[in-house]
Amino acid sequence: MQSASDSLIPVILSGGSGTRLWPLSRQQHPKQFLPLLSERSLFQTTLLRARAIPGALTPVMVVNEAHRFLVREQLAELGIEDADILLEPVGRNTAPALALAALRVVAMNSAALLLALPADHHMKNTAGFAEAIARGIPAARAGALVVFGVVPTHAHTAYGYIRKGAPSSDGVYAVAGFTEKPDVERATHYLQGGEFLWNSGMFLVRADVYLRELNTHATDIAEAVSKAMENLQQDGVFLRPDPDIFRSCRSQSIDYAVMEHTHAGKLVELDAGWSDLGSWGSLLAVGAKAQDGNVTRGNVLLQDVSGSLVFASDRLVTAIGLRDQVVVETADAVFVAPVNRAQECKLLVETLRRSDRDVTENHLRVHRPWGWYECLARDARMQVKRIHISPGASLSLQLHHRRAEHWVVVKGEADVIRGEQQFRLKENESTYIPVDTKHRLQNPGTLPLEIIEVQSGEYLGEDDIVRFDDDYGRR
């Protein structure tokens, strides 16, 4: 990690699950890793936006352990190899997450400024974003905890609000108070008064100041995270705090844990076309609209439709006569709702989870550090997968107690270990892996390898894997 007296270190907080954007967003592939508004994901655009700030140094990322390989893959796409990646074994909200980053930084540079940025936000005006950060830097260097309040455009009931206090000559305000998500009447009052801003969830603070304030106002969180970081383990490119200690930490946001109690809070206005993309309605609001007010993606054909968002992932989606509706299609699910009720998608996801539906956890295409696989067909004793292995990548050396596998190479070449045998398969060649047989699949080439895998047996779950060796440290 770089060090300088006036360091500005972006901290990308990426622990959210994005349930209001189901079925596109899933627990194992949440919205921050999806290309919702451009060819790049929200995570990637957040990172690039932060790195473009003058003086910004190597970023620190705090991510859910389950998403670590998604993060590494998306960093590689940007050509970034020097980021610190701290892994949370379980999400504990933003106060502990920022504490992990602060403890990582403070030992090398206690006065470094941390710019905490949620990984799933959208900003239309990056110049306005950079200007707001620059305005907050002097206050943060002087010991303030700077929060960025978004100039509201309408009476939004899904955001928290911050009340502006007395202004200073440099355009920074005191914080007069925080208000949680209001009803429509109160939100309308806030909008008309001009004193209230949306709470963006973005913060600028010195590493030592944040740790001091956290220890003052949420001592148990500060102590738990500190103990977890004392046992920090390096795992390749990843940094692992002690998982058992971190799991014991209380879950709380920075707002509740620190900002609502501190006397060092300051507020900077942010007018940069900000959105947290917290619902399909917000995506409709910021997306590129056609003349009829529709936002579409994929293979879509509409007639007499207006004010609607229609996303197609795998199939042709057609509609006639819709007004202000959301239609989202994926390979395994379709979601339809009026725009003004689209946020209730979160409740629908909770119902699906209670019924133990895997459709909330994964897409049919599941990403792995070596590539991805997708399920083509399945019943009680059979499953067919398409497996895509990146050049030079390898699956773990493993066996299964309850299923056998047949592999057919359809593209590229495969190096195979099967028991004591080692051999190469070319296109249109196949092999059989019996139950309880050690095996491994590797792509020795410079192009992707694709195989069709047919599984058969009494149990086909992903937990029927015994690993003996793995390039990615999985057990």
Foldseek 3Di string as FASTA:
>chain_A
DDDDQAEEAEEEEEEDQLLLPPPVTFNLRGQQQDPLFHPGGLLLVVVVLQVPQPRYDAYEYEYEPSCVLSVVVSCVVVVDDPHAYEYAPHDQAALLSVLLVLVVPCVRHQLYKYKYDYSQKDFQASVLVSVLVVLCSVLQSVQFKEFEFELDDALDQQFKKWFFADADPSQKTFTPAIGGRDPSVVSRVCNVVRRIGTGNLIIIHGSNSSLVQLCVQPVQSSVLSVQQVVPWDDQPSYIYGNNVSSVPHHRDYCCVRGVRPDRRYMYTYGHGRMDSCSHVLVSLVPHDADPQSEAEEDQEAEECEHVEYAYEDDDYYYDYNHYQKYWYDDPPDIDIDHSVCSSCSSVVLVVCVVVVHCSNHDGQWRADSQGIKGWDDDDQFKTKIKDKGAAFGKFFFKFFQWKKKKKAWQDAKKWKDWAPDTDIDDHRDMDIHDHPITMMIGHNDNGMTIIMMMMGGNDDDPVRIDGDGGPRPDD
